[in-house]
Amino acid sequence: MDKKTLKILFACPSPNALSPTFESMFARMEPLGDGRFALYFMRYTGKEWVGIGDALSVDECMKAIQDDAWFVP
């Protein structure tokens, strides 16, 4: 199973915007086996993934993405 990267779509309503929308990667789940995942967030630089959880279930990953401040855009 491959890594799963989650993206968010931002809207730019300004008439001066370079583009009306843009995507940003914000979370990555890397399978470890046995239904467990390593969870990462993207640093503000957009160039480095930082691990914040190992051996998490899918439900634990989704809860962390929903509740953890590291995933607030």
N, C-alpha and C. Protein backbone atom coordinates (compact mmCIF):
# COMPACT_ATOMS: atom_id res chain seq x y z
N MET A 1 0.85 -1.19 0.00
CA MET A 1 0.00 0.00 0.00
C MET A 1 0.89 1.24 0.00
N ASP A 2 0.52 2.21 -0.79
CA ASP A 2 1.28 3.45 -0.91
C ASP A 2 0.90 4.44 0.17
N LYS A 3 1.77 5.45 0.32
CA LYS A 3 1.47 6.56 1.21
C LYS A 3 0.24 7.29 0.70
N LYS A 4 -0.55 7.80 1.61
CA LYS A 4 -1.74 8.58 1.25
C LYS A 4 -1.52 10.01 1.70
N THR A 5 -1.59 10.94 0.75
CA THR A 5 -1.41 12.35 1.05
C THR A 5 -2.77 13.04 0.97
N LEU A 6 -3.10 13.79 2.00
CA LEU A 6 -4.36 14.54 2.03
C LEU A 6 -4.08 15.99 1.66
N LYS A 7 -4.95 16.53 0.82
CA LYS A 7 -4.80 17.91 0.35
C LYS A 7 -6.04 18.70 0.72
N ILE A 8 -5.86 20.00 0.82
CA ILE A 8 -6.98 20.91 1.06
C ILE A 8 -7.01 21.91 -0.09
N LEU A 9 -8.20 22.30 -0.50
CA LEU A 9 -8.36 23.27 -1.58
C LEU A 9 -8.76 24.61 -0.98
N PHE A 10 -7.94 25.63 -1.24
CA PHE A 10 -8.21 26.98 -0.75
C PHE A 10 -8.77 27.81 -1.90
N ALA A 11 -9.74 28.67 -1.60
CA ALA A 11 -10.30 29.59 -2.58
C ALA A 11 -9.71 30.98 -2.38
N CYS A 12 -9.44 31.66 -3.48
CA CYS A 12 -8.89 33.01 -3.47
C CYS A 12 -9.86 33.93 -4.20
N PRO A 13 -10.83 34.52 -3.51
CA PRO A 13 -11.87 35.29 -4.18
C PRO A 13 -11.44 36.67 -4.69
N SER A 14 -10.27 37.12 -4.33
CA SER A 14 -9.82 38.45 -4.75
C SER A 14 -9.68 38.54 -6.27
N PRO A 15 -10.07 39.66 -6.86
CA PRO A 15 -9.88 39.82 -8.31
C PRO A 15 -8.40 39.91 -8.68
N ASN A 16 -7.53 40.17 -7.71
CA ASN A 16 -6.09 40.26 -7.96
C ASN A 16 -5.36 38.94 -7.73
N ALA A 17 -6.10 37.88 -7.37
CA ALA A 17 -5.47 36.58 -7.10
C ALA A 17 -4.83 36.02 -8.37
N LEU A 18 -3.70 35.35 -8.20
CA LEU A 18 -3.03 34.72 -9.33
C LEU A 18 -3.84 33.55 -9.87
N SER A 19 -4.61 32.92 -8.98
CA SER A 19 -5.44 31.77 -9.35
C SER A 19 -6.68 31.78 -8.45
N PRO A 20 -7.82 31.31 -8.94
CA PRO A 20 -9.02 31.33 -8.10
C PRO A 20 -8.95 30.32 -6.94
N THR A 21 -8.14 29.27 -7.10
CA THR A 21 -7.97 28.27 -6.03
C THR A 21 -6.55 27.73 -6.07
N PHE A 22 -6.14 27.09 -4.97
CA PHE A 22 -4.87 26.36 -4.94
C PHE A 22 -4.98 25.24 -3.93
N GLU A 23 -4.22 24.17 -4.17
CA GLU A 23 -4.19 23.02 -3.27
C GLU A 23 -2.96 23.08 -2.39
N SER A 24 -3.10 22.54 -1.19
CA SER A 24 -1.98 22.46 -0.27
C SER A 24 -2.00 21.09 0.42
N MET A 25 -0.86 20.40 0.41
CA MET A 25 -0.75 19.13 1.13
C MET A 25 -0.66 19.44 2.62
N PHE A 26 -1.41 18.71 3.44
CA PHE A 26 -1.36 19.00 4.87
C PHE A 26 -1.20 17.77 5.74
N ALA A 27 -1.45 16.59 5.24
CA ALA A 27 -1.31 15.38 6.06
C ALA A 27 -0.88 14.22 5.18
N ARG A 28 -0.13 13.29 5.77
CA ARG A 28 0.27 12.07 5.07
C ARG A 28 0.15 10.89 6.03
N MET A 29 -0.41 9.81 5.52
CA MET A 29 -0.51 8.57 6.28
C MET A 29 0.32 7.53 5.56
N GLU A 30 1.31 6.98 6.26
CA GLU A 30 2.20 5.98 5.67
C GLU A 30 1.91 4.63 6.30
N PRO A 31 1.52 3.63 5.50
CA PRO A 31 1.17 2.32 6.07
C PRO A 31 2.38 1.62 6.68
N LEU A 32 2.17 1.05 7.86
CA LEU A 32 3.21 0.31 8.56
C LEU A 32 2.93 -1.18 8.58
N GLY A 33 1.71 -1.56 8.17
CA GLY A 33 1.29 -2.96 8.21
C GLY A 33 0.30 -3.19 9.33
N ASP A 34 -0.44 -4.27 9.23
CA ASP A 34 -1.45 -4.63 10.24
C ASP A 34 -2.46 -3.52 10.50
N GLY A 35 -2.79 -2.73 9.47
CA GLY A 35 -3.79 -1.68 9.62
C GLY A 35 -3.32 -0.48 10.43
N ARG A 36 -2.03 -0.34 10.58
CA ARG A 36 -1.45 0.78 11.35
C ARG A 36 -0.71 1.73 10.42
N PHE A 37 -0.68 3.00 10.82
CA PHE A 37 -0.09 4.04 9.98
C PHE A 37 0.78 4.98 10.79
N ALA A 38 1.80 5.54 10.12
CA ALA A 38 2.55 6.67 10.66
C ALA A 38 1.86 7.92 10.12
N LEU A 39 1.70 8.93 10.97
CA LEU A 39 0.99 10.15 10.59
C LEU A 39 1.96 11.32 10.57
N TYR A 40 1.88 12.12 9.51
CA TYR A 40 2.77 13.28 9.32
C TYR A 40 1.96 14.52 8.99
N PHE A 41 2.51 15.69 9.34
CA PHE A 41 1.95 16.95 8.88
C PHE A 41 3.02 17.67 8.08
N MET A 42 2.59 18.54 7.18
CA MET A 42 3.52 19.31 6.35
C MET A 42 3.90 20.59 7.08
N ARG A 43 5.19 20.83 7.19
CA ARG A 43 5.66 22.08 7.79
C ARG A 43 5.21 23.27 6.95
N TYR A 44 5.21 24.42 7.57
CA TYR A 44 4.76 25.65 6.91
C TYR A 44 5.57 25.97 5.66
N THR A 45 6.77 25.41 5.54
CA THR A 45 7.61 25.66 4.37
C THR A 45 7.09 24.93 3.13
N GLY A 46 6.26 23.90 3.35
CA GLY A 46 5.77 23.10 2.24
C GLY A 46 6.80 22.14 1.68
N LYS A 47 7.90 21.94 2.41
CA LYS A 47 9.00 21.12 1.89
C LYS A 47 9.37 19.94 2.79
N GLU A 48 8.79 19.85 3.97
CA GLU A 48 9.22 18.80 4.91
C GLU A 48 8.03 18.22 5.66
N TRP A 49 7.94 16.88 5.65
CA TRP A 49 6.93 16.19 6.45
C TRP A 49 7.49 15.93 7.83
N VAL A 50 6.67 16.15 8.87
CA VAL A 50 7.07 15.94 10.26
C VAL A 50 6.16 14.88 10.86
N GLY A 51 6.77 13.81 11.38
CA GLY A 51 6.00 12.73 11.98
C GLY A 51 5.48 13.10 13.35
N ILE A 52 4.20 12.78 13.59
CA ILE A 52 3.63 13.05 14.92
C ILE A 52 2.96 11.83 15.54
N GLY A 53 2.91 10.72 14.80
CA GLY A 53 2.29 9.53 15.37
C GLY A 53 2.73 8.28 14.64
N ASP A 54 2.98 7.21 15.37
CA ASP A 54 3.34 5.93 14.80
C ASP A 54 2.36 4.86 15.26
N ALA A 55 2.13 3.91 14.38
CA ALA A 55 1.29 2.74 14.69
C ALA A 55 -0.13 3.15 15.09
N LEU A 56 -0.68 4.14 14.38
CA LEU A 56 -2.04 4.59 14.64
C LEU A 56 -3.02 3.87 13.71
N SER A 57 -4.23 3.65 14.18
CA SER A 57 -5.27 3.11 13.32
C SER A 57 -5.78 4.23 12.41
N VAL A 58 -6.57 3.87 11.41
CA VAL A 58 -7.16 4.88 10.53
C VAL A 58 -8.02 5.84 11.34
N ASP A 59 -8.82 5.30 12.26
CA ASP A 59 -9.68 6.15 13.10
C ASP A 59 -8.85 7.11 13.95
N GLU A 60 -7.75 6.63 14.51
CA GLU A 60 -6.88 7.50 15.32
C GLU A 60 -6.25 8.59 14.45
N CYS A 61 -5.85 8.24 13.23
CA CYS A 61 -5.30 9.25 12.31
C CYS A 61 -6.34 10.31 11.99
N MET A 62 -7.55 9.88 11.65
CA MET A 62 -8.60 10.83 11.30
C MET A 62 -8.95 11.74 12.48
N LYS A 63 -8.97 11.19 13.68
CA LYS A 63 -9.25 12.00 14.88
C LYS A 63 -8.14 13.03 15.09
N ALA A 64 -6.88 12.60 14.93
CA ALA A 64 -5.76 13.53 15.08
C ALA A 64 -5.83 14.64 14.03
N ILE A 65 -6.14 14.29 12.79
CA ILE A 65 -6.24 15.29 11.72
C ILE A 65 -7.36 16.27 12.02
N GLN A 66 -8.44 15.77 12.58
CA GLN A 66 -9.57 16.64 12.90
C GLN A 66 -9.30 17.53 14.11
N ASP A 67 -8.61 17.01 15.14
CA ASP A 67 -8.50 17.71 16.42
C ASP A 67 -7.15 18.35 16.71
N ASP A 68 -6.09 17.87 16.09
CA ASP A 68 -4.74 18.32 16.43
C ASP A 68 -4.44 19.66 15.78
N ALA A 69 -3.87 20.58 16.52
CA ALA A 69 -3.55 21.92 16.02
C ALA A 69 -2.54 21.91 14.86
N TRP A 70 -1.75 20.86 14.72
CA TRP A 70 -0.79 20.79 13.61
C TRP A 70 -1.48 20.76 12.25
N PHE A 71 -2.75 20.38 12.22
CA PHE A 71 -3.47 20.25 10.97
C PHE A 71 -4.42 21.40 10.67
N VAL A 72 -4.37 22.45 11.47
CA VAL A 72 -5.20 23.62 11.23
C VAL A 72 -4.53 24.45 10.14
N PRO A 73 -5.27 24.75 9.05
CA PRO A 73 -4.63 25.51 7.96
C PRO A 73 -4.31 26.94 8.37
